[in-house]
Amino acid sequence: MMSAVSALRLESICRSYRSGDERLDVLTDLDLEVRSGELVALIAPSGAGKSTLLHVAGLLERPDSGDVYVDGIATRDLADKARTGIRRTGIGFIYQFHHLLPEFSALENVAIPQMANGLSYKNAAERARELLGYLKLSERLDHRPAELSGGEQQRVAIARSIANAPHIILADEPTGNLDPSTSDLVFSMLTRLAREAGIAALIATHNLDLARRADRTVTLKDGKTIAHHFQD
């Protein structure tokens, strides 16, 4: 059963950009909440503000007004160091391009973020081995990214994103570069892992078949989130 705890809440978010004398309003009084253990799919066309929403939610950008609450903590006015600390330990990011470190093995790619948080190599490697095993990569621990398939690389990226036990996962087209069968496998593993760990997941995707499997689907219109209803 889904927890009632709010892990991520965006409240009255406004975000605009300047281009010369013009102002482009991307997010306008946007509200969004994702609860622990809930998977929300974000379906939005290019240019609708999807990336901006994810950047603001992930504390990579500050909103012009409104606030982002992570586990109930207001973050807009926090110092950069405090925001970085929350982002490093509380939020996991998965991108369309996996961004693995090419010179390191799969196990090392998952261990390094944990070591950056102060964990010993032994403990970090143990958790990396456990996560990669869960994602059916036990036989690929010592392989570098170039020796892995696209689906395997993205599963390593998933393991890396949750290595520090975040409460929130933000994913931007995590299966966008994969073939349909591999997309299905990767999405299934990501959603199962998030639900079993009670992680709040906001996943931007153009894949409607995958989005249907989320607990809830939203889209962006005029800078606001609205519920998305599939047409049968």
C-alpha atoms as a PDB file:
ATOM      1  CA  MET A   1       0.000   0.000   0.000  1.00  0.00           C
ATOM      2  CA  MET A   2       1.318   3.428  -0.933  1.00  0.00           C
ATOM      3  CA  SER A   3       2.509   5.555   1.947  1.00  0.00           C
ATOM      4  CA  ALA A   4       0.665   8.807   2.619  1.00  0.00           C
ATOM      5  CA  VAL A   5       3.934  10.639   3.249  1.00  0.00           C
ATOM      6  CA  SER A   6       4.775  13.416   0.789  1.00  0.00           C
ATOM      7  CA  ALA A   7       8.373  13.013  -0.373  1.00  0.00           C
ATOM      8  CA  LEU A   8       8.350  15.770  -3.015  1.00  0.00           C
ATOM      9  CA  ARG A   9       6.050  18.769  -3.232  1.00  0.00           C
ATOM     10  CA  LEU A  10       6.272  21.668  -5.651  1.00  0.00           C
ATOM     11  CA  GLU A  11       4.104  24.547  -4.499  1.00  0.00           C
ATOM     12  CA  SER A  12       3.166  27.589  -6.633  1.00  0.00           C
ATOM     13  CA  ILE A  13       6.324  27.253  -8.741  1.00  0.00           C
ATOM     14  CA  CYS A  14       7.087  29.969 -11.269  1.00  0.00           C
ATOM     15  CA  ARG A  15      10.159  29.876 -13.495  1.00  0.00           C
ATOM     16  CA  SER A  16      10.950  32.116 -16.438  1.00  0.00           C
ATOM     17  CA  TYR A  17      13.965  32.912 -18.594  1.00  0.00           C
ATOM     18  CA  ARG A  18      15.167  36.040 -20.365  1.00  0.00           C
ATOM     19  CA  SER A  19      16.075  36.097 -24.037  1.00  0.00           C
ATOM     20  CA  GLY A  20      17.090  39.628 -24.881  1.00  0.00           C
ATOM     21  CA  ASP A  21      14.126  41.836 -24.023  1.00  0.00           C
ATOM     22  CA  GLU A  22      11.729  38.894 -24.084  1.00  0.00           C
ATOM     23  CA  ARG A  23      10.640  36.875 -21.049  1.00  0.00           C
ATOM     24  CA  LEU A  24       9.670  33.266 -21.522  1.00  0.00           C
ATOM     25  CA  ASP A  25       7.382  31.945 -18.801  1.00  0.00           C
ATOM     26  CA  VAL A  26       7.995  28.198 -18.579  1.00  0.00           C
ATOM     27  CA  LEU A  27       6.388  27.225 -15.268  1.00  0.00           C
ATOM     28  CA  THR A  28       3.498  29.312 -13.960  1.00  0.00           C
ATOM     29  CA  ASP A  29       2.050  28.699 -10.508  1.00  0.00           C
ATOM     30  CA  LEU A  30       2.751  24.970 -10.851  1.00  0.00           C
ATOM     31  CA  ASP A  31       1.790  22.501  -8.120  1.00  0.00           C
ATOM     32  CA  LEU A  32       2.838  18.856  -7.968  1.00  0.00           C
ATOM     33  CA  GLU A  33       3.140  16.278  -5.216  1.00  0.00           C
ATOM     34  CA  VAL A  34       4.711  12.825  -5.320  1.00  0.00           C
ATOM     35  CA  ARG A  35       4.290  10.566  -2.310  1.00  0.00           C
ATOM     36  CA  SER A  36       6.639   7.917  -1.002  1.00  0.00           C
ATOM     37  CA  GLY A  37       6.262   4.705  -2.971  1.00  0.00           C
ATOM     38  CA  GLU A  38       4.308   6.458  -5.730  1.00  0.00           C
ATOM     39  CA  LEU A  39       5.314   6.370  -9.394  1.00  0.00           C
ATOM     40  CA  VAL A  40       4.195   9.419 -11.397  1.00  0.00           C
ATOM     41  CA  ALA A  41       4.722   9.536 -15.149  1.00  0.00           C
ATOM     42  CA  LEU A  42       5.209  12.958 -16.723  1.00  0.00           C
ATOM     43  CA  ILE A  43       4.144  13.142 -20.356  1.00  0.00           C
ATOM     44  CA  ALA A  44       5.041  16.416 -22.010  1.00  0.00           C
ATOM     45  CA  PRO A  45       5.976  17.472 -25.554  1.00  0.00           C
ATOM     46  CA  SER A  46       9.322  19.077 -26.239  1.00  0.00           C
ATOM     47  CA  GLY A  47       9.342  22.704 -25.151  1.00  0.00           C
ATOM     48  CA  ALA A  48       6.554  22.299 -22.600  1.00  0.00           C
ATOM     49  CA  GLY A  49       8.870  22.749 -19.619  1.00  0.00           C
ATOM     50  CA  LYS A  50       9.554  19.154 -18.655  1.00  0.00           C
ATOM     51  CA  SER A  51      13.303  19.616 -18.209  1.00  0.00           C
ATOM     52  CA  THR A  52      12.800  22.830 -16.261  1.00  0.00           C
ATOM     53  CA  LEU A  53      10.346  21.075 -13.956  1.00  0.00           C
ATOM     54  CA  LEU A  54      12.820  18.251 -13.305  1.00  0.00           C
ATOM     55  CA  HIS A  55      15.680  20.689 -12.726  1.00  0.00           C
ATOM     56  CA  VAL A  56      13.632  22.689 -10.218  1.00  0.00           C
ATOM     57  CA  ALA A  57      12.374  19.518  -8.508  1.00  0.00           C
ATOM     58  CA  GLY A  58      15.933  18.198  -8.304  1.00  0.00           C
ATOM     59  CA  LEU A  59      17.250  21.458  -6.787  1.00  0.00           C
ATOM     60  CA  LEU A  60      19.433  22.086  -9.816  1.00  0.00           C
ATOM     61  CA  GLU A  61      17.627  25.405 -10.380  1.00  0.00           C
ATOM     62  CA  ARG A  62      15.865  27.734  -7.973  1.00  0.00           C
ATOM     63  CA  PRO A  63      12.329  28.802  -8.843  1.00  0.00           C
ATOM     64  CA  ASP A  64      11.598  32.496  -9.258  1.00  0.00           C
ATOM     65  CA  SER A  65       8.796  32.061  -6.747  1.00  0.00           C
ATOM     66  CA  GLY A  66       7.139  29.207  -4.925  1.00  0.00           C
ATOM     67  CA  ASP A  67       9.023  26.466  -3.137  1.00  0.00           C
ATOM     68  CA  VAL A  68      10.156  22.858  -3.422  1.00  0.00           C
ATOM     69  CA  TYR A  69       9.661  20.701  -0.345  1.00  0.00           C
ATOM     70  CA  VAL A  70      11.793  17.582   0.018  1.00  0.00           C
ATOM     71  CA  ASP A  71      10.582  15.383   2.874  1.00  0.00           C
ATOM     72  CA  GLY A  72       8.728  18.433   4.167  1.00  0.00           C
ATOM     73  CA  ILE A  73      11.779  20.713   4.118  1.00  0.00           C
ATOM     74  CA  ALA A  74      11.430  24.008   2.219  1.00  0.00           C
ATOM     75  CA  THR A  75      14.485  24.342  -0.028  1.00  0.00           C
ATOM     76  CA  ARG A  76      14.220  27.541  -2.062  1.00  0.00           C
ATOM     77  CA  ASP A  77      15.993  29.779   0.453  1.00  0.00           C
ATOM     78  CA  LEU A  78      18.538  27.230   1.654  1.00  0.00           C
ATOM     79  CA  ALA A  79      22.203  27.955   1.037  1.00  0.00           C
ATOM     80  CA  ASP A  80      23.806  26.211  -1.912  1.00  0.00           C
ATOM     81  CA  LYS A  81      25.719  23.842   0.377  1.00  0.00           C
ATOM     82  CA  ALA A  82      22.520  22.680   2.083  1.00  0.00           C
ATOM     83  CA  ARG A  83      20.735  22.216  -1.253  1.00  0.00           C
ATOM     84  CA  THR A  84      23.681  20.217  -2.565  1.00  0.00           C
ATOM     85  CA  GLY A  85      23.583  18.016   0.530  1.00  0.00           C
ATOM     86  CA  ILE A  86      19.888  17.261   0.030  1.00  0.00           C
ATOM     87  CA  ARG A  87      20.418  16.617  -3.668  1.00  0.00           C
ATOM     88  CA  ARG A  88      23.374  14.306  -3.024  1.00  0.00           C
ATOM     89  CA  THR A  89      21.674  12.099  -0.432  1.00  0.00           C
ATOM     90  CA  GLY A  90      17.948  12.563  -0.947  1.00  0.00           C
ATOM     91  CA  ILE A  91      17.500  12.628  -4.731  1.00  0.00           C
ATOM     92  CA  GLY A  92      18.573  10.134  -7.383  1.00  0.00           C
ATOM     93  CA  PHE A  93      18.825  11.186 -11.034  1.00  0.00           C
ATOM     94  CA  ILE A  94      18.496   8.997 -14.130  1.00  0.00           C
ATOM     95  CA  TYR A  95      18.957  10.470 -17.590  1.00  0.00           C
ATOM     96  CA  GLN A  96      18.305   9.318 -21.142  1.00  0.00           C
ATOM     97  CA  PHE A  97      22.070   9.100 -21.592  1.00  0.00           C
ATOM     98  CA  HIS A  98      23.496   7.071 -18.737  1.00  0.00           C
ATOM     99  CA  HIS A  99      26.600   9.278 -18.147  1.00  0.00           C
ATOM    100  CA  LEU A 100      28.611   6.403 -16.660  1.00  0.00           C
ATOM    101  CA  LEU A 101      32.317   6.968 -16.060  1.00  0.00           C
ATOM    102  CA  PRO A 102      33.918   5.110 -18.997  1.00  0.00           C
ATOM    103  CA  GLU A 103      37.183   4.228 -17.277  1.00  0.00           C
ATOM    104  CA  PHE A 104      35.503   2.503 -14.330  1.00  0.00           C
ATOM    105  CA  SER A 105      33.714  -0.841 -14.039  1.00  0.00           C
ATOM    106  CA  ALA A 106      29.993  -1.216 -13.411  1.00  0.00           C
ATOM    107  CA  LEU A 107      30.662  -1.923  -9.741  1.00  0.00           C
ATOM    108  CA  GLU A 108      32.943   1.111  -9.407  1.00  0.00           C
ATOM    109  CA  ASN A 109      30.383   3.379 -11.096  1.00  0.00           C
ATOM    110  CA  VAL A 110      27.872   2.455  -8.398  1.00  0.00           C
ATOM    111  CA  ALA A 111      30.389   2.543  -5.540  1.00  0.00           C
ATOM    112  CA  ILE A 112      31.922   5.949  -6.282  1.00  0.00           C
ATOM    113  CA  PRO A 113      28.863   8.090  -5.379  1.00  0.00           C
ATOM    114  CA  GLN A 114      28.671   6.274  -2.049  1.00  0.00           C
ATOM    115  CA  MET A 115      32.341   6.891  -1.364  1.00  0.00           C
ATOM    116  CA  ALA A 116      31.775  10.585  -2.125  1.00  0.00           C
ATOM    117  CA  ASN A 117      29.315  10.495   0.781  1.00  0.00           C
ATOM    118  CA  GLY A 118      31.928   9.078   3.119  1.00  0.00           C
ATOM    119  CA  LEU A 119      31.349   5.324   2.839  1.00  0.00           C
ATOM    120  CA  SER A 120      34.389   3.055   2.776  1.00  0.00           C
ATOM    121  CA  TYR A 121      35.189   1.292  -0.488  1.00  0.00           C
ATOM    122  CA  LYS A 122      34.440  -2.065   1.117  1.00  0.00           C
ATOM    123  CA  ASN A 123      30.942  -1.062   2.214  1.00  0.00           C
ATOM    124  CA  ALA A 124      30.245   0.856  -0.994  1.00  0.00           C
ATOM    125  CA  ALA A 125      31.315  -2.103  -3.131  1.00  0.00           C
ATOM    126  CA  GLU A 126      29.171  -4.450  -1.068  1.00  0.00           C
ATOM    127  CA  ARG A 127      26.051  -2.342  -1.643  1.00  0.00           C
ATOM    128  CA  ALA A 128      26.947  -1.885  -5.321  1.00  0.00           C
ATOM    129  CA  ARG A 129      27.259  -5.644  -5.708  1.00  0.00           C
ATOM    130  CA  GLU A 130      23.882  -6.145  -4.031  1.00  0.00           C
ATOM    131  CA  LEU A 131      22.105  -3.568  -6.205  1.00  0.00           C
ATOM    132  CA  LEU A 132      23.646  -4.791  -9.454  1.00  0.00           C
ATOM    133  CA  GLY A 133      22.746  -8.348  -8.520  1.00  0.00           C
ATOM    134  CA  TYR A 134      19.142  -7.278  -7.971  1.00  0.00           C
ATOM    135  CA  LEU A 135      19.212  -5.785 -11.461  1.00  0.00           C
ATOM    136  CA  LYS A 136      20.511  -9.054 -12.954  1.00  0.00           C
ATOM    137  CA  LEU A 137      24.052  -7.777 -13.533  1.00  0.00           C
ATOM    138  CA  SER A 138      26.034 -10.045 -11.219  1.00  0.00           C
ATOM    139  CA  GLU A 139      28.021 -11.398 -14.167  1.00  0.00           C
ATOM    140  CA  ARG A 140      28.905  -7.904 -15.413  1.00  0.00           C
ATOM    141  CA  LEU A 141      30.369  -6.262 -12.298  1.00  0.00           C
ATOM    142  CA  ASP A 142      33.877  -5.893 -13.697  1.00  0.00           C
ATOM    143  CA  HIS A 143      32.814  -4.754 -17.168  1.00  0.00           C
ATOM    144  CA  ARG A 144      33.338  -1.165 -18.245  1.00  0.00           C
ATOM    145  CA  PRO A 145      30.447   0.728 -19.903  1.00  0.00           C
ATOM    146  CA  ALA A 146      31.798   0.133 -23.428  1.00  0.00           C
ATOM    147  CA  GLU A 147      31.565  -3.612 -22.758  1.00  0.00           C
ATOM    148  CA  LEU A 148      27.893  -3.416 -21.738  1.00  0.00           C
ATOM    149  CA  SER A 149      24.761  -3.248 -23.860  1.00  0.00           C
ATOM    150  CA  GLY A 150      22.562  -0.155 -23.771  1.00  0.00           C
ATOM    151  CA  GLY A 151      20.099  -1.827 -21.435  1.00  0.00           C
ATOM    152  CA  GLU A 152      22.872  -3.007 -19.133  1.00  0.00           C
ATOM    153  CA  GLN A 153      24.374   0.470 -19.006  1.00  0.00           C
ATOM    154  CA  GLN A 154      21.032   1.972 -18.059  1.00  0.00           C
ATOM    155  CA  ARG A 155      20.552  -0.628 -15.321  1.00  0.00           C
ATOM    156  CA  VAL A 156      23.945   0.383 -13.917  1.00  0.00           C
ATOM    157  CA  ALA A 157      22.711   3.989 -14.013  1.00  0.00           C
ATOM    158  CA  ILE A 158      19.602   2.942 -12.062  1.00  0.00           C
ATOM    159  CA  ALA A 159      21.747   1.214  -9.446  1.00  0.00           C
ATOM    160  CA  ARG A 160      23.921   4.323  -9.191  1.00  0.00           C
ATOM    161  CA  SER A 161      20.865   6.561  -8.747  1.00  0.00           C
ATOM    162  CA  ILE A 162      19.634   4.643  -5.702  1.00  0.00           C
ATOM    163  CA  ALA A 163      23.017   3.734  -4.214  1.00  0.00           C
ATOM    164  CA  ASN A 164      22.761   6.444  -1.556  1.00  0.00           C
ATOM    165  CA  ALA A 165      19.201   5.397  -0.626  1.00  0.00           C
ATOM    166  CA  PRO A 166      17.411   8.531  -1.872  1.00  0.00           C
ATOM    167  CA  HIS A 167      13.780   9.191  -1.051  1.00  0.00           C
ATOM    168  CA  ILE A 168      13.136  10.567  -4.544  1.00  0.00           C
ATOM    169  CA  ILE A 169      14.071   9.479  -8.068  1.00  0.00           C
ATOM    170  CA  LEU A 170      13.820  11.902 -10.983  1.00  0.00           C
ATOM    171  CA  ALA A 171      14.159  10.244 -14.379  1.00  0.00           C
ATOM    172  CA  ASP A 172      14.273  12.007 -17.733  1.00  0.00           C
ATOM    173  CA  GLU A 173      13.430   9.628 -20.587  1.00  0.00           C
ATOM    174  CA  PRO A 174      15.307   6.741 -18.915  1.00  0.00           C
ATOM    175  CA  THR A 175      14.386   4.318 -21.713  1.00  0.00           C
ATOM    176  CA  GLY A 176      14.519   6.788 -24.595  1.00  0.00           C
ATOM    177  CA  ASN A 177      17.543   5.199 -26.292  1.00  0.00           C
ATOM    178  CA  LEU A 178      16.492   1.569 -25.873  1.00  0.00           C
ATOM    179  CA  ASP A 179      14.608  -0.839 -28.095  1.00  0.00           C
ATOM    180  CA  PRO A 180      11.054  -1.756 -27.014  1.00  0.00           C
ATOM    181  CA  SER A 181      11.838  -5.053 -25.273  1.00  0.00           C
ATOM    182  CA  THR A 182      14.829  -3.595 -23.432  1.00  0.00           C
ATOM    183  CA  SER A 183      12.764  -0.509 -22.505  1.00  0.00           C
ATOM    184  CA  ASP A 184      10.145  -2.756 -20.965  1.00  0.00           C
ATOM    185  CA  LEU A 185      12.741  -4.661 -18.940  1.00  0.00           C
ATOM    186  CA  VAL A 186      14.514  -1.537 -17.677  1.00  0.00           C
ATOM    187  CA  PHE A 187      11.248   0.235 -16.818  1.00  0.00           C
ATOM    188  CA  SER A 188       9.946  -2.824 -14.993  1.00  0.00           C
ATOM    189  CA  MET A 189      13.110  -3.088 -12.910  1.00  0.00           C
ATOM    190  CA  LEU A 190      13.109   0.634 -12.121  1.00  0.00           C
ATOM    191  CA  THR A 191       9.473   0.711 -11.047  1.00  0.00           C
ATOM    192  CA  ARG A 192       9.715  -2.475  -8.990  1.00  0.00           C
ATOM    193  CA  LEU A 193      12.816  -1.224  -7.219  1.00  0.00           C
ATOM    194  CA  ALA A 194      11.230   2.158  -6.474  1.00  0.00           C
ATOM    195  CA  ARG A 195       8.021   0.658  -5.143  1.00  0.00           C
ATOM    196  CA  GLU A 196       9.709  -1.969  -3.011  1.00  0.00           C
ATOM    197  CA  ALA A 197      12.031   0.657  -1.496  1.00  0.00           C
ATOM    198  CA  GLY A 198       9.205   3.162  -0.959  1.00  0.00           C
ATOM    199  CA  ILE A 199      10.872   5.744  -3.217  1.00  0.00           C
ATOM    200  CA  ALA A 200       8.871   8.568  -4.789  1.00  0.00           C
ATOM    201  CA  ALA A 201       9.541   8.475  -8.541  1.00  0.00           C
ATOM    202  CA  LEU A 202       8.807  11.149 -11.136  1.00  0.00           C
ATOM    203  CA  ILE A 203       9.560   9.765 -14.588  1.00  0.00           C
ATOM    204  CA  ALA A 204       9.354  11.837 -17.757  1.00  0.00           C
ATOM    205  CA  THR A 205       8.647   9.673 -20.771  1.00  0.00           C
ATOM    206  CA  HIS A 206       7.211   9.817 -24.280  1.00  0.00           C
ATOM    207  CA  ASN A 207       6.383   6.115 -24.115  1.00  0.00           C
ATOM    208  CA  LEU A 208       2.641   5.955 -23.458  1.00  0.00           C
ATOM    209  CA  ASP A 209       2.650   2.193 -22.972  1.00  0.00           C
ATOM    210  CA  LEU A 210       5.139   2.556 -20.127  1.00  0.00           C
ATOM    211  CA  ALA A 211       3.360   5.598 -18.701  1.00  0.00           C
ATOM    212  CA  ARG A 212       0.142   3.586 -18.372  1.00  0.00           C
ATOM    213  CA  ARG A 213       1.899   1.432 -15.785  1.00  0.00           C
ATOM    214  CA  ALA A 214       2.502   4.365 -13.443  1.00  0.00           C
ATOM    215  CA  ASP A 215       0.278   5.043 -10.445  1.00  0.00           C
ATOM    216  CA  ARG A 216      -0.605   8.416 -11.894  1.00  0.00           C
ATOM    217  CA  THR A 217       0.130  10.355 -15.066  1.00  0.00           C
ATOM    218  CA  VAL A 218       0.380  14.121 -15.453  1.00  0.00           C
ATOM    219  CA  THR A 219       1.175  16.470 -18.304  1.00  0.00           C
ATOM    220  CA  LEU A 220       2.155  20.106 -18.653  1.00  0.00           C
ATOM    221  CA  LYS A 221      -0.097  22.747 -20.139  1.00  0.00           C
ATOM    222  CA  ASP A 222       0.481  26.497 -19.965  1.00  0.00           C
ATOM    223  CA  GLY A 223       3.192  25.950 -17.376  1.00  0.00           C
ATOM    224  CA  LYS A 224       1.003  23.938 -15.011  1.00  0.00           C
ATOM    225  CA  THR A 225       0.619  20.232 -14.296  1.00  0.00           C
ATOM    226  CA  ILE A 226      -2.726  18.641 -15.029  1.00  0.00           C
ATOM    227  CA  ALA A 227      -3.924  15.070 -14.806  1.00  0.00           C
ATOM    228  CA  HIS A 228      -3.444  13.085 -17.999  1.00  0.00           C
ATOM    229  CA  HIS A 229      -6.236  10.767 -19.123  1.00  0.00           C
ATOM    230  CA  PHE A 230      -5.518   8.141 -21.744  1.00  0.00           C
ATOM    231  CA  GLN A 231      -7.841   7.765 -24.683  1.00  0.00           C
ATOM    232  CA  ASP A 232      -8.779   4.110 -25.198  1.00  0.00           C
END
